[in-house]
PDB file of N, CA and C in Angstrom:
ATOM      1  N   UNK A   1     -50.848 -49.855  90.031  1.00  0.00           N
ATOM      2  CA  UNK A   1     -50.824 -51.290  90.261  1.00  0.00           C
ATOM      3  C   UNK A   1     -51.143 -51.566  91.732  1.00  0.00           C
ATOM      4  N   UNK A   2     -51.892 -52.609  91.954  1.00  0.00           N
ATOM      5  CA  UNK A   2     -52.223 -53.000  93.323  1.00  0.00           C
ATOM      6  C   UNK A   2     -51.151 -53.945  93.864  1.00  0.00           C
ATOM      7  N   UNK A   3     -51.054 -54.013  95.182  1.00  0.00           N
ATOM      8  CA  UNK A   3     -50.075 -54.895  95.813  1.00  0.00           C
ATOM      9  C   UNK A   3     -50.607 -56.314  95.960  1.00  0.00           C
ATOM     10  N   UNK A   4     -51.887 -56.439  96.288  1.00  0.00           N
ATOM     11  CA  UNK A   4     -52.445 -57.745  96.631  1.00  0.00           C
ATOM     12  C   UNK A   4     -53.613 -58.165  95.741  1.00  0.00           C
ATOM     13  N   UNK A   5     -54.400 -57.209  95.269  1.00  0.00           N
ATOM     14  CA  UNK A   5     -55.629 -57.527  94.549  1.00  0.00           C
ATOM     15  C   UNK A   5     -55.358 -57.826  93.083  1.00  0.00           C
ATOM     16  N   UNK A   6     -56.174 -58.699  92.531  1.00  0.00           N
ATOM     17  CA  UNK A   6     -56.070 -59.081  91.131  1.00  0.00           C
ATOM     18  C   UNK A   6     -56.479 -57.919  90.226  1.00  0.00           C
ATOM     19  N   UNK A   7     -55.609 -57.609  89.275  1.00  0.00           N
ATOM     20  CA  UNK A   7     -55.885 -56.590  88.258  1.00  0.00           C
ATOM     21  C   UNK A   7     -55.268 -57.075  86.952  1.00  0.00           C
ATOM     22  N   UNK A   8     -55.441 -56.289  85.888  1.00  0.00           N
ATOM     23  CA  UNK A   8     -54.805 -56.640  84.623  1.00  0.00           C
ATOM     24  C   UNK A   8     -53.283 -56.690  84.780  1.00  0.00           C
ATOM     25  N   UNK A   9     -52.732 -55.754  85.574  1.00  0.00           N
ATOM     26  CA  UNK A   9     -51.288 -55.720  85.791  1.00  0.00           C
ATOM     27  C   UNK A   9     -50.830 -56.780  86.799  1.00  0.00           C
ATOM     28  N   UNK A  10     -51.741 -57.259  87.616  1.00  0.00           N
ATOM     29  CA  UNK A  10     -51.422 -58.244  88.655  1.00  0.00           C
ATOM     30  C   UNK A  10     -52.429 -59.398  88.589  1.00  0.00           C
ATOM     31  N   UNK A  11     -52.431 -60.162  87.482  1.00  0.00           N
ATOM     32  CA  UNK A  11     -53.445 -61.208  87.309  1.00  0.00           C
ATOM     33  C   UNK A  11     -53.349 -62.337  88.336  1.00  0.00           C
ATOM     34  N   UNK A  12     -52.213 -62.470  88.997  1.00  0.00           N
ATOM     35  CA  UNK A  12     -52.059 -63.513  90.011  1.00  0.00           C
ATOM     36  C   UNK A  12     -52.443 -63.010  91.396  1.00  0.00           C
ATOM     37  N   UNK A  13     -52.994 -61.802  91.459  1.00  0.00           N
ATOM     38  CA  UNK A  13     -53.427 -61.249  92.738  1.00  0.00           C
ATOM     39  C   UNK A  13     -54.650 -61.974  93.269  1.00  0.00           C
ATOM     40  N   UNK A  14     -55.057 -61.562  94.446  1.00  0.00           N
ATOM     41  CA  UNK A  14     -56.172 -62.189  95.138  1.00  0.00           C
ATOM     42  C   UNK A  14     -57.473 -61.439  94.906  1.00  0.00           C
ATOM     43  N   UNK A  15     -58.577 -62.153  95.059  1.00  0.00           N
ATOM     44  CA  UNK A  15     -59.876 -61.503  95.179  1.00  0.00           C
ATOM     45  C   UNK A  15     -59.935 -60.906  96.579  1.00  0.00           C
ATOM     46  N   UNK A  16     -60.638 -59.799  96.722  1.00  0.00           N
ATOM     47  CA  UNK A  16     -60.742 -59.141  98.020  1.00  0.00           C
ATOM     48  C   UNK A  16     -61.281 -60.090  99.081  1.00  0.00           C
ATOM     49  N   UNK A  17     -62.314 -60.851  98.729  1.00  0.00           N
ATOM     50  CA  UNK A  17     -62.908 -61.752  99.714  1.00  0.00           C
ATOM     51  C   UNK A  17     -61.924 -62.838 100.162  1.00  0.00           C
ATOM     52  N   UNK A  18     -60.989 -63.214  99.290  1.00  0.00           N
ATOM     53  CA  UNK A  18     -59.994 -64.217  99.672  1.00  0.00           C
ATOM     54  C   UNK A  18     -58.994 -63.657 100.684  1.00  0.00           C
ATOM     55  N   UNK A  19     -58.534 -62.433 100.457  1.00  0.00           N
ATOM     56  CA  UNK A  19     -57.612 -61.805 101.414  1.00  0.00           C
ATOM     57  C   UNK A  19     -58.291 -61.630 102.764  1.00  0.00           C
ATOM     58  N   UNK A  20     -59.514 -61.138 102.748  1.00  0.00           N
ATOM     59  CA  UNK A  20     -60.231 -60.923 104.005  1.00  0.00           C
ATOM     60  C   UNK A  20     -60.469 -62.238 104.739  1.00  0.00           C
ATOM     61  N   UNK A  21     -60.720 -63.311 104.001  1.00  0.00           N
ATOM     62  CA  UNK A  21     -60.912 -64.624 104.626  1.00  0.00           C
ATOM     63  C   UNK A  21     -59.635 -65.115 105.301  1.00  0.00           C
ATOM     64  N   UNK A  22     -58.496 -64.872 104.677  1.00  0.00           N
ATOM     65  CA  UNK A  22     -57.213 -65.259 105.272  1.00  0.00           C
ATOM     66  C   UNK A  22     -56.968 -64.466 106.556  1.00  0.00           C
ATOM     67  N   UNK A  23     -57.257 -63.174 106.517  1.00  0.00           N
ATOM     68  CA  UNK A  23     -57.106 -62.343 107.715  1.00  0.00           C
ATOM     69  C   UNK A  23     -58.033 -62.844 108.817  1.00  0.00           C
ATOM     70  N   UNK A  24     -59.260 -63.199 108.447  1.00  0.00           N
ATOM     71  CA  UNK A  24     -60.203 -63.718 109.437  1.00  0.00           C
ATOM     72  C   UNK A  24     -59.663 -64.996 110.079  1.00  0.00           C
ATOM     73  N   UNK A  25     -59.107 -65.890 109.273  1.00  0.00           N
ATOM     74  CA  UNK A  25     -58.520 -67.127 109.809  1.00  0.00           C
ATOM     75  C   UNK A  25     -57.394 -66.823 110.794  1.00  0.00           C
ATOM     76  N   UNK A  26     -56.565 -65.845 110.457  1.00  0.00           N
ATOM     77  CA  UNK A  26     -55.464 -65.469 111.349  1.00  0.00           C
ATOM     78  C   UNK A  26     -55.985 -64.931 112.682  1.00  0.00           C
ATOM     79  N   UNK A  27     -57.019 -64.109 112.629  1.00  0.00           N
ATOM     80  CA  UNK A  27     -57.585 -63.551 113.862  1.00  0.00           C
ATOM     81  C   UNK A  27     -58.183 -64.659 114.719  1.00  0.00           C
ATOM     82  N   UNK A  28     -58.867 -65.607 114.080  1.00  0.00           N
ATOM     83  CA  UNK A  28     -59.444 -66.730 114.829  1.00  0.00           C
ATOM     84  C   UNK A  28     -58.341 -67.536 115.505  1.00  0.00           C
ATOM     85  N   UNK A  29     -57.255 -67.802 114.787  1.00  0.00           N
ATOM     86  CA  UNK A  29     -56.137 -68.557 115.368  1.00  0.00           C
ATOM     87  C   UNK A  29     -55.526 -67.798 116.544  1.00  0.00           C
ATOM     88  N   UNK A  30     -55.349 -66.514 116.378  1.00  0.00           N
ATOM     89  CA  UNK A  30     -54.768 -65.702 117.449  1.00  0.00           C
ATOM     90  C   UNK A  30     -55.712 -65.624 118.643  1.00  0.00           C
ATOM     91  N   UNK A  31     -57.009 -65.490 118.372  1.00  0.00           N
ATOM     92  CA  UNK A  31     -57.994 -65.416 119.458  1.00  0.00           C
ATOM     93  C   UNK A  31     -58.006 -66.711 120.262  1.00  0.00           C
ATOM     94  N   UNK A  32     -57.826 -67.834 119.585  1.00  0.00           N
ATOM     95  CA  UNK A  32     -57.789 -69.113 120.285  1.00  0.00           C
ATOM     96  C   UNK A  32     -56.656 -69.196 121.293  1.00  0.00           C
ATOM     97  N   UNK A  33     -55.556 -68.534 120.986  1.00  0.00           N
ATOM     98  CA  UNK A  33     -54.403 -68.564 121.880  1.00  0.00           C
ATOM     99  C   UNK A  33     -54.619 -67.732 123.135  1.00  0.00           C
ATOM    100  N   UNK A  34     -55.500 -66.737 123.075  1.00  0.00           N
ATOM    101  CA  UNK A  34     -55.711 -65.883 124.252  1.00  0.00           C
ATOM    102  C   UNK A  34     -57.045 -66.153 124.936  1.00  0.00           C
ATOM    103  N   UNK A  35     -57.812 -67.098 124.409  1.00  0.00           N
ATOM    104  CA  UNK A  35     -59.163 -67.321 124.944  1.00  0.00           C
ATOM    105  C   UNK A  35     -59.174 -67.786 126.392  1.00  0.00           C
ATOM    106  N   UNK A  36     -58.127 -68.450 126.844  1.00  0.00           N
ATOM    107  CA  UNK A  36     -58.081 -68.920 128.220  1.00  0.00           C
ATOM    108  C   UNK A  36     -57.481 -67.926 129.204  1.00  0.00           C
ATOM    109  N   UNK A  37     -57.003 -66.811 128.694  1.00  0.00           N
ATOM    110  CA  UNK A  37     -56.366 -65.795 129.543  1.00  0.00           C
ATOM    111  C   UNK A  37     -57.455 -64.968 130.228  1.00  0.00           C
ATOM    112  N   UNK A  38     -57.470 -64.981 131.538  1.00  0.00           N
ATOM    113  CA  UNK A  38     -58.539 -64.318 132.305  1.00  0.00           C
ATOM    114  C   UNK A  38     -58.235 -62.858 132.642  1.00  0.00           C
ATOM    115  N   UNK A  39     -57.070 -62.371 132.294  1.00  0.00           N
ATOM    116  CA  UNK A  39     -56.745 -60.977 132.611  1.00  0.00           C
ATOM    117  C   UNK A  39     -57.668 -60.038 131.842  1.00  0.00           C
ATOM    118  N   UNK A  40     -57.996 -58.891 132.431  1.00  0.00           N
ATOM    119  CA  UNK A  40     -58.920 -57.952 131.786  1.00  0.00           C
ATOM    120  C   UNK A  40     -58.429 -57.477 130.419  1.00  0.00           C
ATOM    121  N   UNK A  41     -57.133 -57.300 130.289  1.00  0.00           N
ATOM    122  CA  UNK A  41     -56.588 -56.842 129.004  1.00  0.00           C
ATOM    123  C   UNK A  41     -56.820 -57.889 127.916  1.00  0.00           C
ATOM    124  N   UNK A  42     -56.590 -59.143 128.261  1.00  0.00           N
ATOM    125  CA  UNK A  42     -56.808 -60.223 127.297  1.00  0.00           C
ATOM    126  C   UNK A  42     -58.285 -60.335 126.952  1.00  0.00           C
ATOM    127  N   UNK A  43     -59.146 -60.177 127.944  1.00  0.00           N
ATOM    128  CA  UNK A  43     -60.590 -60.236 127.713  1.00  0.00           C
ATOM    129  C   UNK A  43     -61.031 -59.123 126.762  1.00  0.00           C
ATOM    130  N   UNK A  44     -60.469 -57.927 126.939  1.00  0.00           N
ATOM    131  CA  UNK A  44     -60.833 -56.806 126.070  1.00  0.00           C
ATOM    132  C   UNK A  44     -60.339 -57.029 124.644  1.00  0.00           C
ATOM    133  N   UNK A  45     -59.106 -57.526 124.516  1.00  0.00           N
ATOM    134  CA  UNK A  45     -58.572 -57.824 123.182  1.00  0.00           C
ATOM    135  C   UNK A  45     -59.424 -58.889 122.503  1.00  0.00           C
ATOM    136  N   UNK A  46     -59.805 -59.918 123.240  1.00  0.00           N
ATOM    137  CA  UNK A  46     -60.650 -60.969 122.680  1.00  0.00           C
ATOM    138  C   UNK A  46     -62.004 -60.413 122.251  1.00  0.00           C
ATOM    139  N   UNK A  47     -62.596 -59.566 123.087  1.00  0.00           N
ATOM    140  CA  UNK A  47     -63.881 -58.945 122.735  1.00  0.00           C
ATOM    141  C   UNK A  47     -63.733 -58.085 121.484  1.00  0.00           C
ATOM    142  N   UNK A  48     -62.648 -57.324 121.410  1.00  0.00           N
ATOM    143  CA  UNK A  48     -62.407 -56.508 120.212  1.00  0.00           C
ATOM    144  C   UNK A  48     -62.282 -57.392 118.978  1.00  0.00           C
ATOM    145  N   UNK A  49     -61.551 -58.506 119.116  1.00  0.00           N
ATOM    146  CA  UNK A  49     -61.395 -59.422 117.984  1.00  0.00           C
ATOM    147  C   UNK A  49     -62.739 -59.976 117.520  1.00  0.00           C
ATOM    148  N   UNK A  50     -63.629 -60.260 118.450  1.00  0.00           N
ATOM    149  CA  UNK A  50     -64.946 -60.782 118.080  1.00  0.00           C
ATOM    150  C   UNK A  50     -65.726 -59.743 117.267  1.00  0.00           C
ATOM    151  N   UNK A  51     -65.632 -58.492 117.656  1.00  0.00           N
ATOM    152  CA  UNK A  51     -66.292 -57.423 116.891  1.00  0.00           C
ATOM    153  C   UNK A  51     -65.670 -57.290 115.497  1.00  0.00           C
ATOM    154  N   UNK A  52     -64.355 -57.373 115.447  1.00  0.00           N
ATOM    155  CA  UNK A  52     -63.660 -57.287 114.163  1.00  0.00           C
ATOM    156  C   UNK A  52     -64.072 -58.448 113.262  1.00  0.00           C
ATOM    157  N   UNK A  53     -64.204 -59.650 113.821  1.00  0.00           N
ATOM    158  CA  UNK A  53     -64.604 -60.816 113.026  1.00  0.00           C
ATOM    159  C   UNK A  53     -65.979 -60.636 112.406  1.00  0.00           C
ATOM    160  N   UNK A  54     -66.908 -60.048 113.152  1.00  0.00           N
ATOM    161  CA  UNK A  54     -68.248 -59.791 112.611  1.00  0.00           C
ATOM    162  C   UNK A  54     -68.148 -58.841 111.420  1.00  0.00           C
ATOM    163  N   UNK A  55     -67.390 -57.776 111.585  1.00  0.00           N
ATOM    164  CA  UNK A  55     -67.249 -56.799 110.503  1.00  0.00           C
ATOM    165  C   UNK A  55     -66.518 -57.398 109.297  1.00  0.00           C
ATOM    166  N   UNK A  56     -65.488 -58.191 109.555  1.00  0.00           N
ATOM    167  CA  UNK A  56     -64.780 -58.851 108.461  1.00  0.00           C
ATOM    168  C   UNK A  56     -65.705 -59.782 107.685  1.00  0.00           C
ATOM    169  N   UNK A  57     -66.537 -60.523 108.395  1.00  0.00           N
ATOM    170  CA  UNK A  57     -67.480 -61.426 107.738  1.00  0.00           C
ATOM    171  C   UNK A  57     -68.450 -60.643 106.864  1.00  0.00           C
ATOM    172  N   UNK A  58     -68.919 -59.508 107.345  1.00  0.00           N
ATOM    173  CA  UNK A  58     -69.791 -58.659 106.532  1.00  0.00           C
ATOM    174  C   UNK A  58     -69.053 -58.184 105.283  1.00  0.00           C
ATOM    175  N   UNK A  59     -67.788 -57.804 105.427  1.00  0.00           N
ATOM    176  CA  UNK A  59     -66.994 -57.353 104.282  1.00  0.00           C
ATOM    177  C   UNK A  59     -66.748 -58.482 103.288  1.00  0.00           C
ATOM    178  N   UNK A  60     -66.493 -59.681 103.797  1.00  0.00           N
ATOM    179  CA  UNK A  60     -66.301 -60.844 102.923  1.00  0.00           C
ATOM    180  C   UNK A  60     -67.564 -61.092 102.105  1.00  0.00           C
ATOM    181  N   UNK A  61     -68.711 -61.012 102.747  1.00  0.00           N
ATOM    182  CA  UNK A  61     -69.981 -61.214 102.045  1.00  0.00           C
ATOM    183  C   UNK A  61     -70.200 -60.145 100.977  1.00  0.00           C
ATOM    184  N   UNK A  62     -69.905 -58.895 101.297  1.00  0.00           N
ATOM    185  CA  UNK A  62     -70.060 -57.808 100.322  1.00  0.00           C
ATOM    186  C   UNK A  62     -69.108 -57.982  99.142  1.00  0.00           C
ATOM    187  N   UNK A  63     -67.860 -58.326  99.418  1.00  0.00           N
ATOM    188  CA  UNK A  63     -66.887 -58.520  98.345  1.00  0.00           C
ATOM    189  C   UNK A  63     -67.289 -59.694  97.454  1.00  0.00           C
ATOM    190  N   UNK A  64     -67.766 -60.770  98.058  1.00  0.00           N
ATOM    191  CA  UNK A  64     -68.240 -61.912  97.274  1.00  0.00           C
ATOM    192  C   UNK A  64     -69.428 -61.551  96.406  1.00  0.00           C
ATOM    193  N   UNK A  65     -70.320 -60.728  96.944  1.00  0.00           N
ATOM    194  CA  UNK A  65     -71.471 -60.264  96.174  1.00  0.00           C
ATOM    195  C   UNK A  65     -71.015 -59.458  94.962  1.00  0.00           C
ATOM    196  N   UNK A  66     -70.031 -58.587  95.154  1.00  0.00           N
ATOM    197  CA  UNK A  66     -69.513 -57.797  94.032  1.00  0.00           C
ATOM    198  C   UNK A  66     -68.894 -58.697  92.969  1.00  0.00           C
ATOM    199  N   UNK A  67     -68.154 -59.705  93.390  1.00  0.00           N
ATOM    200  CA  UNK A  67     -67.557 -60.638  92.438  1.00  0.00           C
ATOM    201  C   UNK A  67     -68.639 -61.365  91.649  1.00  0.00           C
ATOM    202  N   UNK A  68     -69.697 -61.797  92.327  1.00  0.00           N
ATOM    203  CA  UNK A  68     -70.796 -62.481  91.639  1.00  0.00           C
ATOM    204  C   UNK A  68     -71.475 -61.559  90.634  1.00  0.00           C
ATOM    205  N   UNK A  69     -71.681 -60.305  91.002  1.00  0.00           N
ATOM    206  CA  UNK A  69     -72.298 -59.342  90.082  1.00  0.00           C
ATOM    207  C   UNK A  69     -71.430 -59.180  88.842  1.00  0.00           C
ATOM    208  N   UNK A  70     -70.130 -58.990  89.035  1.00  0.00           N
ATOM    209  CA  UNK A  70     -69.225 -58.809  87.900  1.00  0.00           C
ATOM    210  C   UNK A  70     -69.154 -60.063  87.041  1.00  0.00           C
ATOM    211  N   UNK A  71     -69.071 -61.234  87.657  1.00  0.00           N
ATOM    212  CA  UNK A  71     -69.018 -62.486  86.894  1.00  0.00           C
ATOM    213  C   UNK A  71     -70.301 -62.713  86.107  1.00  0.00           C
ATOM    214  N   UNK A  72     -71.435 -62.460  86.750  1.00  0.00           N
ATOM    215  CA  UNK A  72     -72.726 -62.674  86.098  1.00  0.00           C
ATOM    216  C   UNK A  72     -72.930 -61.690  84.950  1.00  0.00           C
ATOM    217  N   UNK A  73     -72.538 -60.451  85.152  1.00  0.00           N
ATOM    218  CA  UNK A  73     -72.797 -59.409  84.168  1.00  0.00           C
ATOM    219  C   UNK A  73     -71.769 -59.385  83.049  1.00  0.00           C
ATOM    220  N   UNK A  74     -70.500 -59.577  83.401  1.00  0.00           N
ATOM    221  CA  UNK A  74     -69.432 -59.394  82.422  1.00  0.00           C
ATOM    222  C   UNK A  74     -68.605 -60.646  82.161  1.00  0.00           C
ATOM    223  N   UNK A  75     -68.904 -61.742  82.836  1.00  0.00           N
ATOM    224  CA  UNK A  75     -68.121 -62.959  82.663  1.00  0.00           C
ATOM    225  C   UNK A  75     -66.813 -62.893  83.437  1.00  0.00           C
ATOM    226  N   UNK A  76     -66.033 -63.947  83.281  1.00  0.00           N
ATOM    227  CA  UNK A  76     -64.735 -64.001  83.967  1.00  0.00           C
ATOM    228  C   UNK A  76     -63.805 -62.946  83.390  1.00  0.00           C
ATOM    229  N   UNK A  77     -62.768 -62.644  84.132  1.00  0.00           N
ATOM    230  CA  UNK A  77     -61.798 -61.626  83.715  1.00  0.00           C
ATOM    231  C   UNK A  77     -61.229 -61.946  82.343  1.00  0.00           C
ATOM    232  N   UNK A  78     -61.141 -60.923  81.534  1.00  0.00           N
ATOM    233  CA  UNK A  78     -60.490 -61.016  80.235  1.00  0.00           C
ATOM    234  C   UNK A  78     -59.345 -60.023  80.201  1.00  0.00           C
ATOM    235  N   UNK A  79     -59.098 -59.473  79.015  1.00  0.00           N
ATOM    236  CA  UNK A  79     -58.006 -58.509  78.885  1.00  0.00           C
ATOM    237  C   UNK A  79     -58.458 -57.092  79.194  1.00  0.00           C
ATOM    238  N   UNK A  80     -59.711 -56.803  79.038  1.00  0.00           N
ATOM    239  CA  UNK A  80     -60.239 -55.464  79.310  1.00  0.00           C
ATOM    240  C   UNK A  80     -60.840 -55.421  80.703  1.00  0.00           C
ATOM    241  N   UNK A  81     -60.762 -54.260  81.367  1.00  0.00           N
ATOM    242  CA  UNK A  81     -61.430 -54.144  82.666  1.00  0.00           C
ATOM    243  C   UNK A  81     -62.935 -54.346  82.510  1.00  0.00           C
ATOM    244  N   UNK A  82     -63.547 -54.998  83.472  1.00  0.00           N
ATOM    245  CA  UNK A  82     -64.987 -55.237  83.392  1.00  0.00           C
ATOM    246  C   UNK A  82     -65.760 -53.966  83.685  1.00  0.00           C
ATOM    247  N   UNK A  83     -65.279 -53.159  84.589  1.00  0.00           N
ATOM    248  CA  UNK A  83     -65.875 -51.850  84.866  1.00  0.00           C
ATOM    249  C   UNK A  83     -64.747 -50.881  85.172  1.00  0.00           C
ATOM    250  N   UNK A  84     -65.010 -49.605  85.053  1.00  0.00           N
ATOM    251  CA  UNK A  84     -63.989 -48.602  85.368  1.00  0.00           C
ATOM    252  C   UNK A  84     -63.030 -48.383  84.219  1.00  0.00           C
ATOM    253  N   UNK A  85     -62.065 -47.527  84.467  1.00  0.00           N
ATOM    254  CA  UNK A  85     -61.081 -47.172  83.446  1.00  0.00           C
ATOM    255  C   UNK A  85     -59.911 -48.138  83.478  1.00  0.00           C
ATOM    256  N   UNK A  86     -59.280 -48.275  82.339  1.00  0.00           N
ATOM    257  CA  UNK A  86     -58.107 -49.157  82.234  1.00  0.00           C
ATOM    258  C   UNK A  86     -56.919 -48.560  82.951  1.00  0.00           C
TER     259      UNK A  86
END
């Protein structure tokens, strides 16, 4: 059973792209709080966050693409797994 992702055992779970989007929002909010800090450590953390945001956005796009492929090919979730083993 998964902790966060939607599965047959956890139908109220999240889509991967939704979790990643929430994390991205949190990073943006946190980055806003340190954006005015001129110390080198804060600047490095902010720069790291910007790199992480780019990668998260790429992951969100990939996860959304996978969801579209599964929806288009197999329809919305039913009782059986759309791909893979039960």
